[in-house]
N, C-alpha and C. Protein backbone atom coordinates (compact mmCIF):
# COMPACT_ATOMS: atom_id res chain seq x y z
N UNK A 1 17.65 -5.75 -17.14
CA UNK A 1 16.31 -6.16 -16.81
C UNK A 1 16.28 -6.95 -15.51
N UNK A 2 17.43 -7.31 -15.00
CA UNK A 2 17.50 -8.07 -13.76
C UNK A 2 17.02 -7.24 -12.57
N UNK A 3 17.05 -5.90 -12.66
CA UNK A 3 16.64 -5.08 -11.54
C UNK A 3 15.13 -4.88 -11.48
N UNK A 4 14.38 -5.26 -12.49
CA UNK A 4 12.92 -5.08 -12.49
C UNK A 4 12.23 -5.79 -11.33
N UNK A 5 12.47 -7.10 -11.08
CA UNK A 5 11.78 -7.75 -9.98
C UNK A 5 12.10 -7.14 -8.62
N UNK A 6 13.29 -6.63 -8.44
CA UNK A 6 13.66 -6.02 -7.16
C UNK A 6 12.90 -4.72 -6.93
N UNK A 7 12.49 -4.04 -8.00
CA UNK A 7 11.76 -2.78 -7.86
C UNK A 7 10.32 -3.01 -7.42
N UNK A 8 9.74 -4.14 -7.75
CA UNK A 8 8.34 -4.40 -7.43
C UNK A 8 8.07 -4.41 -5.92
N UNK A 9 8.87 -5.06 -5.08
CA UNK A 9 8.59 -5.02 -3.65
C UNK A 9 8.66 -3.61 -3.07
N UNK A 10 9.57 -2.79 -3.55
CA UNK A 10 9.66 -1.41 -3.06
C UNK A 10 8.41 -0.64 -3.44
N UNK A 11 7.93 -0.84 -4.67
CA UNK A 11 6.71 -0.17 -5.11
C UNK A 11 5.52 -0.68 -4.32
N UNK A 12 5.48 -1.98 -4.07
CA UNK A 12 4.37 -2.57 -3.33
C UNK A 12 4.32 -2.03 -1.90
N UNK A 13 5.48 -1.78 -1.32
CA UNK A 13 5.52 -1.26 0.04
C UNK A 13 5.01 0.18 0.10
N UNK A 14 5.28 0.96 -0.93
CA UNK A 14 4.89 2.37 -0.95
C UNK A 14 3.42 2.54 -1.35
N UNK A 15 2.89 1.64 -2.14
CA UNK A 15 1.52 1.74 -2.63
C UNK A 15 0.66 0.68 -1.96
N UNK A 16 -0.53 1.09 -1.57
CA UNK A 16 -1.44 0.14 -0.93
C UNK A 16 -2.87 0.48 -1.34
N UNK A 17 -3.80 -0.34 -0.94
CA UNK A 17 -5.21 -0.12 -1.25
C UNK A 17 -5.61 1.27 -0.80
N UNK A 18 -6.26 2.00 -1.70
CA UNK A 18 -6.69 3.36 -1.40
C UNK A 18 -5.71 4.43 -1.86
N UNK A 19 -4.48 4.04 -2.21
CA UNK A 19 -3.49 5.02 -2.69
C UNK A 19 -3.94 5.62 -4.02
N UNK A 20 -3.63 6.89 -4.22
CA UNK A 20 -3.88 7.56 -5.49
C UNK A 20 -2.61 7.49 -6.31
N UNK A 21 -2.74 7.04 -7.57
CA UNK A 21 -1.58 6.78 -8.40
C UNK A 21 -1.79 7.28 -9.82
N UNK A 22 -0.72 7.25 -10.57
CA UNK A 22 -0.76 7.47 -12.02
C UNK A 22 0.25 6.53 -12.65
N UNK A 23 0.14 6.35 -13.95
CA UNK A 23 1.04 5.47 -14.68
C UNK A 23 2.37 6.18 -14.91
N UNK A 24 3.46 5.50 -14.65
CA UNK A 24 4.80 6.01 -14.93
C UNK A 24 5.11 5.70 -16.38
N UNK A 25 5.07 6.72 -17.23
CA UNK A 25 5.22 6.52 -18.67
C UNK A 25 6.54 5.83 -19.02
N UNK A 26 7.63 6.16 -18.32
CA UNK A 26 8.93 5.55 -18.65
C UNK A 26 8.95 4.06 -18.32
N UNK A 27 8.26 3.66 -17.25
CA UNK A 27 8.17 2.23 -16.91
C UNK A 27 7.26 1.49 -17.88
N UNK A 28 6.27 2.18 -18.40
CA UNK A 28 5.30 1.58 -19.33
C UNK A 28 5.91 1.34 -20.70
N UNK A 29 6.63 2.33 -21.22
CA UNK A 29 7.18 2.24 -22.57
C UNK A 29 8.13 1.05 -22.69
N UNK A 30 7.94 0.27 -23.71
CA UNK A 30 8.78 -0.89 -23.96
C UNK A 30 8.36 -2.13 -23.20
N UNK A 31 7.33 -2.03 -22.36
CA UNK A 31 6.89 -3.20 -21.59
C UNK A 31 6.02 -4.11 -22.46
N UNK A 32 5.83 -5.31 -21.98
CA UNK A 32 4.97 -6.27 -22.67
C UNK A 32 3.55 -5.72 -22.80
N UNK A 33 3.06 -5.08 -21.75
CA UNK A 33 1.71 -4.51 -21.76
C UNK A 33 1.58 -3.40 -22.79
N UNK A 34 2.60 -2.58 -22.92
CA UNK A 34 2.56 -1.49 -23.90
C UNK A 34 2.50 -2.05 -25.32
N UNK A 35 3.21 -3.14 -25.56
CA UNK A 35 3.19 -3.75 -26.88
C UNK A 35 1.85 -4.36 -27.23
N UNK A 36 1.07 -4.73 -26.22
CA UNK A 36 -0.23 -5.36 -26.45
C UNK A 36 -1.38 -4.35 -26.40
N UNK A 37 -1.07 -3.08 -26.20
CA UNK A 37 -2.11 -2.05 -26.06
C UNK A 37 -2.08 -1.09 -27.24
N UNK A 38 -3.05 -0.20 -27.26
CA UNK A 38 -3.10 0.83 -28.29
C UNK A 38 -1.82 1.66 -28.24
N UNK A 39 -1.33 2.12 -29.39
CA UNK A 39 -0.05 2.85 -29.41
C UNK A 39 -0.05 4.15 -28.60
N UNK A 40 -1.19 4.81 -28.48
CA UNK A 40 -1.23 6.05 -27.72
C UNK A 40 -1.99 5.84 -26.42
N UNK A 41 -1.37 6.24 -25.32
CA UNK A 41 -2.00 6.13 -24.00
C UNK A 41 -3.04 7.23 -23.82
N UNK A 42 -4.17 6.89 -23.19
CA UNK A 42 -5.10 7.97 -22.82
C UNK A 42 -4.43 8.88 -21.79
N UNK A 43 -4.69 10.16 -21.88
CA UNK A 43 -4.07 11.13 -20.98
C UNK A 43 -4.34 10.85 -19.51
N UNK A 44 -5.54 10.35 -19.19
CA UNK A 44 -5.88 10.16 -17.78
C UNK A 44 -4.98 9.15 -17.09
N UNK A 45 -4.38 8.23 -17.83
CA UNK A 45 -3.48 7.24 -17.21
C UNK A 45 -2.23 7.88 -16.63
N UNK A 46 -1.66 8.84 -17.35
CA UNK A 46 -0.43 9.47 -16.88
C UNK A 46 -0.68 10.74 -16.08
N UNK A 47 -1.90 11.27 -16.13
CA UNK A 47 -2.22 12.45 -15.34
C UNK A 47 -2.74 12.08 -13.95
N UNK A 48 -3.49 10.96 -13.88
CA UNK A 48 -4.06 10.50 -12.62
C UNK A 48 -5.18 11.40 -12.16
N UNK A 49 -5.74 11.18 -11.00
CA UNK A 49 -5.40 10.06 -10.14
C UNK A 49 -6.28 8.85 -10.40
N UNK A 50 -5.69 7.71 -10.21
CA UNK A 50 -6.43 6.47 -10.16
C UNK A 50 -6.32 5.93 -8.75
N UNK A 51 -7.35 5.30 -8.27
CA UNK A 51 -7.33 4.76 -6.91
C UNK A 51 -7.11 3.26 -6.95
N UNK A 52 -6.21 2.76 -6.12
CA UNK A 52 -5.97 1.32 -6.03
C UNK A 52 -7.12 0.69 -5.26
N UNK A 53 -7.81 -0.22 -5.93
CA UNK A 53 -8.93 -0.93 -5.31
C UNK A 53 -8.48 -2.22 -4.66
N UNK A 54 -7.51 -2.90 -5.29
CA UNK A 54 -7.03 -4.19 -4.79
C UNK A 54 -5.62 -4.42 -5.29
N UNK A 55 -4.87 -5.21 -4.54
CA UNK A 55 -3.52 -5.60 -4.94
C UNK A 55 -3.45 -7.12 -4.89
N UNK A 56 -3.01 -7.71 -5.99
CA UNK A 56 -2.83 -9.16 -6.08
C UNK A 56 -1.45 -9.42 -6.67
N UNK A 57 -0.54 -9.88 -5.86
CA UNK A 57 0.82 -10.15 -6.34
C UNK A 57 1.49 -8.86 -6.78
N UNK A 58 1.90 -8.82 -8.03
CA UNK A 58 2.60 -7.65 -8.58
C UNK A 58 1.67 -6.69 -9.30
N UNK A 59 0.36 -6.89 -9.21
CA UNK A 59 -0.60 -6.08 -9.95
C UNK A 59 -1.58 -5.37 -9.02
N UNK A 60 -2.07 -4.22 -9.49
CA UNK A 60 -3.07 -3.46 -8.75
C UNK A 60 -4.26 -3.19 -9.65
N UNK A 61 -5.46 -3.30 -9.07
CA UNK A 61 -6.67 -2.94 -9.79
C UNK A 61 -6.93 -1.47 -9.53
N UNK A 62 -7.11 -0.71 -10.61
CA UNK A 62 -7.27 0.74 -10.50
C UNK A 62 -8.63 1.19 -11.00
N UNK A 63 -9.16 2.19 -10.31
CA UNK A 63 -10.39 2.85 -10.77
C UNK A 63 -10.05 4.32 -10.97
N UNK A 64 -10.46 4.84 -12.13
CA UNK A 64 -10.19 6.23 -12.48
C UNK A 64 -11.42 7.06 -12.21
N UNK A 65 -11.26 8.33 -12.03
CA UNK A 65 -12.38 9.25 -11.77
C UNK A 65 -13.01 9.68 -13.10
N UNK A 66 -13.27 8.69 -13.92
CA UNK A 66 -13.85 8.89 -15.24
C UNK A 66 -14.73 7.68 -15.55
N UNK A 67 -15.63 7.82 -16.50
CA UNK A 67 -16.48 6.68 -16.86
C UNK A 67 -15.74 5.69 -17.78
N UNK A 68 -14.72 5.05 -17.22
CA UNK A 68 -13.94 4.05 -17.95
C UNK A 68 -13.86 2.79 -17.08
N UNK A 69 -13.61 1.63 -17.69
CA UNK A 69 -13.51 0.40 -16.90
C UNK A 69 -12.30 0.41 -15.96
N UNK A 70 -12.42 -0.34 -14.88
CA UNK A 70 -11.27 -0.56 -13.99
C UNK A 70 -10.21 -1.33 -14.78
N UNK A 71 -8.94 -1.14 -14.43
CA UNK A 71 -7.85 -1.83 -15.12
C UNK A 71 -6.89 -2.42 -14.09
N UNK A 72 -6.15 -3.43 -14.51
CA UNK A 72 -5.08 -4.02 -13.71
C UNK A 72 -3.76 -3.63 -14.34
N UNK A 73 -2.86 -3.05 -13.56
CA UNK A 73 -1.52 -2.68 -14.02
C UNK A 73 -0.49 -3.19 -13.02
N UNK A 74 0.74 -3.38 -13.51
CA UNK A 74 1.81 -3.81 -12.62
C UNK A 74 2.18 -2.69 -11.66
N UNK A 75 2.47 -3.05 -10.44
CA UNK A 75 2.84 -2.06 -9.42
C UNK A 75 4.10 -1.29 -9.79
N UNK A 76 5.04 -1.94 -10.46
CA UNK A 76 6.28 -1.23 -10.81
C UNK A 76 6.08 -0.22 -11.94
N UNK A 77 4.88 -0.17 -12.51
CA UNK A 77 4.56 0.81 -13.55
C UNK A 77 3.76 1.98 -12.99
N UNK A 78 3.54 1.97 -11.69
CA UNK A 78 2.74 3.02 -11.05
C UNK A 78 3.61 3.90 -10.17
N UNK A 79 3.16 5.13 -10.01
CA UNK A 79 3.81 6.04 -9.09
C UNK A 79 2.74 6.82 -8.33
N UNK A 80 3.08 7.27 -7.16
CA UNK A 80 2.13 8.03 -6.35
C UNK A 80 1.72 9.30 -7.08
N UNK A 81 0.45 9.62 -7.01
CA UNK A 81 -0.07 10.83 -7.62
C UNK A 81 0.05 11.99 -6.64
N UNK A 82 0.51 13.12 -7.14
CA UNK A 82 0.63 14.32 -6.31
C UNK A 82 -0.24 15.41 -6.92
N UNK A 83 -1.12 16.01 -6.14
CA UNK A 83 -1.98 17.07 -6.67
C UNK A 83 -1.13 18.19 -7.28
N UNK A 84 -1.55 18.64 -8.45
CA UNK A 84 -0.84 19.72 -9.11
C UNK A 84 0.33 19.29 -9.97
N UNK A 85 0.79 18.03 -9.83
CA UNK A 85 1.91 17.54 -10.65
C UNK A 85 1.39 17.12 -12.00
N UNK A 86 2.16 17.37 -13.02
CA UNK A 86 1.79 16.98 -14.39
C UNK A 86 2.50 15.70 -14.77
N UNK A 87 1.83 14.85 -15.62
CA UNK A 87 2.39 13.58 -16.07
C UNK A 87 3.47 13.78 -17.04
């Protein structure tokens, strides 16, 4: 778990406001956030795209192209969205 903080700056450098992203399921599973959330993830989180609206520290505010509330997720749990790629 010592390598987790080192991964956040690399992710922060690659992702910025306006980037299209999706949730990295492997980074999510077993996290504190996953333990505090519903057991099943909505498909749109891992399929994407969500747009980064703001970045504060290690977290990004995301808006999805669906009628759902904006959410804050850790940057190290996000990956760039690629059109045509499946989650």
